[in-house]
Amino acid sequence: MKKSFVNSFLVLLIILVNTTGFSQKLITKTGSVKFQASVPSYEEVAAENKSVSAVLEQSTGDFAALVLIKGFRFKVALMEEHFNENYMESEKFSKATLKGKIEDFDIATITSSPKTFTLKGDLTIHGKTKTVSVIIKVAKVANGVNVTGTFEVKPEDFNIDIPSMVSKKIADKVKITYNFALLK
């Protein structure tokens, strides 16, 4: 079901983004999203998901990414279980998405040296959507581009409850790092 959902999502994105008769989309199904919510003196709270789907419409700068929450892997299995069951409620809120537009994007100006842009759009986590402005770096690679960046979110902005018992062990702001090799 997971693979079918991801494929359906990508097909939907391609249809939604396609506003002209011919478009140039760059896609990945193997992007990476990491998050870091650690605080000093406590156990590391971090995970990585290496099965993130993303699509970029080269002609318009429209961008979308999909992260399946259960795809995050932790060093400690119990932490992964608590993340999915207690905090993210991944059975109920199975995915996170980022959909928006890269401002002033022009594929012709992209070289192998990363160029900085601003992506403005909607970030949906835990069933709640917030408007965001994210700094991204885009660099040319063989058959496409590499999109990287980092931003922070606050769990409470997405109705993610952190019990007071463990709140001192988890950062107030969660650092999210992403890396997408988007290819033709």
Protein backbone atom coordinates (compact mmCIF):
# COMPACT_ATOMS: atom_id res chain seq x y z
CA MET A 1 0.00 0.00 0.00
CA LYS A 2 2.86 2.39 0.85
CA LYS A 3 4.44 2.05 -2.60
CA SER A 4 1.05 2.46 -4.29
CA PHE A 5 0.34 5.61 -2.28
CA VAL A 6 3.71 7.15 -3.17
CA ASN A 7 3.25 6.33 -6.86
CA SER A 8 -0.28 7.78 -6.81
CA PHE A 9 1.03 10.92 -5.10
CA LEU A 10 3.74 11.40 -7.74
CA VAL A 11 1.23 10.95 -10.57
CA LEU A 12 -1.06 13.51 -8.92
CA LEU A 13 1.83 15.96 -8.51
CA ILE A 14 2.81 15.57 -12.14
CA ILE A 15 -0.77 16.27 -13.23
CA LEU A 16 -1.13 19.26 -10.87
CA VAL A 17 2.19 20.82 -11.82
CA ASN A 18 1.69 20.29 -15.55
CA THR A 19 0.12 23.55 -16.69
CA THR A 20 1.59 23.51 -20.17
CA GLY A 21 1.44 20.93 -22.92
CA PHE A 22 5.07 19.97 -22.39
CA SER A 23 6.99 20.32 -19.18
CA GLN A 24 10.32 19.29 -17.76
CA LYS A 25 9.95 17.61 -14.41
CA LEU A 26 12.83 16.41 -12.30
CA ILE A 27 11.92 13.64 -9.85
CA THR A 28 13.38 11.53 -7.06
CA LYS A 29 12.03 8.69 -4.95
CA THR A 30 15.27 8.37 -2.98
CA GLY A 31 15.64 11.79 -1.41
CA SER A 32 16.86 12.14 2.16
CA VAL A 33 15.32 14.02 5.07
CA LYS A 34 17.00 14.06 8.48
CA PHE A 35 15.85 15.65 11.67
CA GLN A 36 17.76 16.54 14.79
CA ALA A 37 15.95 17.34 18.05
CA SER A 38 18.76 16.60 20.50
CA VAL A 39 19.75 18.68 23.50
CA PRO A 40 23.12 18.57 25.28
CA SER A 41 23.62 15.97 28.04
CA TYR A 42 20.78 13.72 26.84
CA GLU A 43 20.44 10.85 24.40
CA GLU A 44 20.51 11.81 20.72
CA VAL A 45 17.07 12.43 19.23
CA ALA A 46 17.65 12.12 15.49
CA ALA A 47 16.44 10.11 12.53
CA GLU A 48 16.77 9.84 8.75
CA ASN A 49 14.38 8.88 5.99
CA LYS A 50 16.03 7.87 2.69
CA SER A 51 12.82 7.19 0.74
CA VAL A 52 11.51 10.70 0.22
CA SER A 53 9.75 11.54 -3.05
CA ALA A 54 10.06 14.97 -4.62
CA VAL A 55 9.33 16.67 -7.93
CA LEU A 56 10.50 19.98 -9.42
CA GLU A 57 8.93 21.60 -12.48
CA GLN A 58 11.94 23.22 -14.14
CA SER A 59 9.99 25.78 -16.14
CA THR A 60 8.00 27.22 -13.21
CA GLY A 61 9.94 26.39 -10.02
CA ASP A 62 6.96 24.50 -8.59
CA PHE A 63 8.22 22.00 -6.02
CA ALA A 64 6.64 19.25 -3.91
CA ALA A 65 8.04 16.63 -1.52
CA LEU A 66 6.42 13.74 0.33
CA VAL A 67 7.82 12.03 3.42
CA LEU A 68 6.24 8.88 4.83
CA ILE A 69 6.58 9.26 8.60
CA LYS A 70 7.17 5.55 9.26
CA GLY A 71 10.23 5.76 6.99
CA PHE A 72 12.32 7.58 9.62
CA ARG A 73 15.02 5.36 11.12
CA PHE A 74 16.50 5.95 14.56
CA LYS A 75 19.59 4.42 16.17
CA VAL A 76 17.40 3.17 19.03
CA ALA A 77 14.39 1.03 18.06
CA LEU A 78 12.39 2.03 21.15
CA MET A 79 12.80 5.70 20.27
CA GLU A 80 11.49 4.97 16.76
CA GLU A 81 8.47 3.20 18.25
CA HIS A 82 7.71 6.12 20.60
CA PHE A 83 8.16 8.59 17.72
CA ASN A 84 5.60 6.77 15.56
CA GLU A 85 3.07 5.85 18.25
CA ASN A 86 3.19 8.66 20.81
CA TYR A 87 4.41 11.79 19.06
CA MET A 88 3.75 11.61 15.32
CA GLU A 89 0.78 9.21 15.50
CA SER A 90 1.93 7.86 12.14
CA GLU A 91 -1.04 5.52 11.74
CA LYS A 92 -3.31 8.58 11.71
CA PHE A 93 -0.88 11.10 10.14
CA SER A 94 1.13 8.93 7.76
CA LYS A 95 2.87 11.61 5.72
CA ALA A 96 4.39 15.07 5.73
CA THR A 97 4.43 17.26 2.63
CA LEU A 98 6.08 20.43 1.43
CA LYS A 99 4.48 22.11 -1.60
CA GLY A 100 5.45 25.48 -2.96
CA LYS A 101 7.27 27.57 -5.50
CA ILE A 102 10.96 28.44 -5.73
CA GLU A 103 11.02 32.22 -6.17
CA ASP A 104 12.85 33.61 -9.23
CA PHE A 105 13.84 30.10 -10.31
CA ASP A 106 15.50 29.91 -13.73
CA ILE A 107 16.99 26.54 -14.62
CA ALA A 108 19.28 28.26 -17.16
CA THR A 109 21.16 29.99 -14.31
CA ILE A 110 21.91 26.77 -12.42
CA THR A 111 25.55 25.60 -12.46
CA SER A 112 27.53 23.04 -10.50
CA SER A 113 28.05 25.69 -7.79
CA PRO A 114 25.03 25.82 -5.46
CA LYS A 115 22.76 28.82 -5.98
CA THR A 116 20.55 30.02 -3.12
CA PHE A 117 16.79 30.50 -3.57
CA THR A 118 13.73 30.92 -1.37
CA LEU A 119 10.95 28.33 -1.50
CA LYS A 120 7.60 29.67 -0.31
CA GLY A 121 4.78 27.24 0.27
CA ASP A 122 2.91 25.00 2.66
CA LEU A 123 4.43 22.49 5.05
CA THR A 124 2.04 19.86 6.40
CA ILE A 125 3.07 17.75 9.38
CA HIS A 126 0.86 15.80 11.79
CA GLY A 127 -2.22 16.91 9.83
CA LYS A 128 -1.54 20.63 10.30
CA THR A 129 -0.47 22.98 7.50
CA LYS A 130 1.67 26.08 7.98
CA THR A 131 2.96 28.56 5.43
CA VAL A 132 6.76 28.51 5.32
CA SER A 133 9.63 30.29 3.64
CA VAL A 134 12.64 27.98 3.25
CA ILE A 135 16.11 28.80 1.96
CA ILE A 136 17.25 26.14 -0.53
CA LYS A 137 20.40 25.57 -2.54
CA VAL A 138 20.22 24.20 -6.07
CA ALA A 139 23.20 22.88 -8.03
CA LYS A 140 23.45 21.21 -11.41
CA VAL A 141 24.34 17.49 -11.50
CA ALA A 142 24.38 14.96 -14.33
CA ASN A 143 20.80 14.59 -15.67
CA GLY A 144 19.26 17.03 -13.19
CA VAL A 145 19.82 19.13 -10.08
CA ASN A 146 20.64 18.62 -6.42
CA VAL A 147 18.42 20.48 -3.94
CA THR A 148 19.67 20.85 -0.35
CA GLY A 149 18.91 22.89 2.71
CA THR A 150 18.03 23.13 6.36
CA PHE A 151 15.18 24.71 8.28
CA GLU A 152 13.64 24.50 11.74
CA VAL A 153 10.15 23.76 13.00
CA LYS A 154 8.56 23.83 16.42
CA PRO A 155 6.60 20.68 17.35
CA GLU A 156 3.82 22.73 18.97
CA ASP A 157 3.23 24.56 15.66
CA PHE A 158 2.05 21.21 14.27
CA ASN A 159 0.08 20.06 17.33
CA ILE A 160 2.75 17.55 18.32
CA ASP A 161 2.53 17.13 22.07
CA ILE A 162 5.76 16.55 23.97
CA PRO A 163 4.99 15.33 27.50
CA SER A 164 6.54 17.47 30.25
CA MET A 165 8.30 14.35 31.51
CA VAL A 166 10.57 14.29 28.42
CA SER A 167 10.32 17.89 27.19
CA LYS A 168 13.76 18.80 28.58
CA LYS A 169 15.28 15.96 26.51
CA ILE A 170 13.88 17.24 23.20
CA ALA A 171 14.85 20.53 21.52
CA ASP A 172 12.27 23.32 21.28
CA LYS A 173 13.11 23.64 17.58
CA VAL A 174 13.65 20.59 15.40
CA LYS A 175 16.33 21.00 12.72
CA ILE A 176 15.31 19.44 9.40
CA THR A 177 17.95 18.81 6.72
CA TYR A 178 17.07 17.61 3.22
CA ASN A 179 18.94 16.44 0.13
CA PHE A 180 17.21 15.62 -3.16
CA ALA A 181 18.97 14.49 -6.33
CA LEU A 182 16.21 15.34 -8.81
CA LEU A 183 16.76 13.69 -12.17
CA LYS A 184 15.08 13.56 -15.58
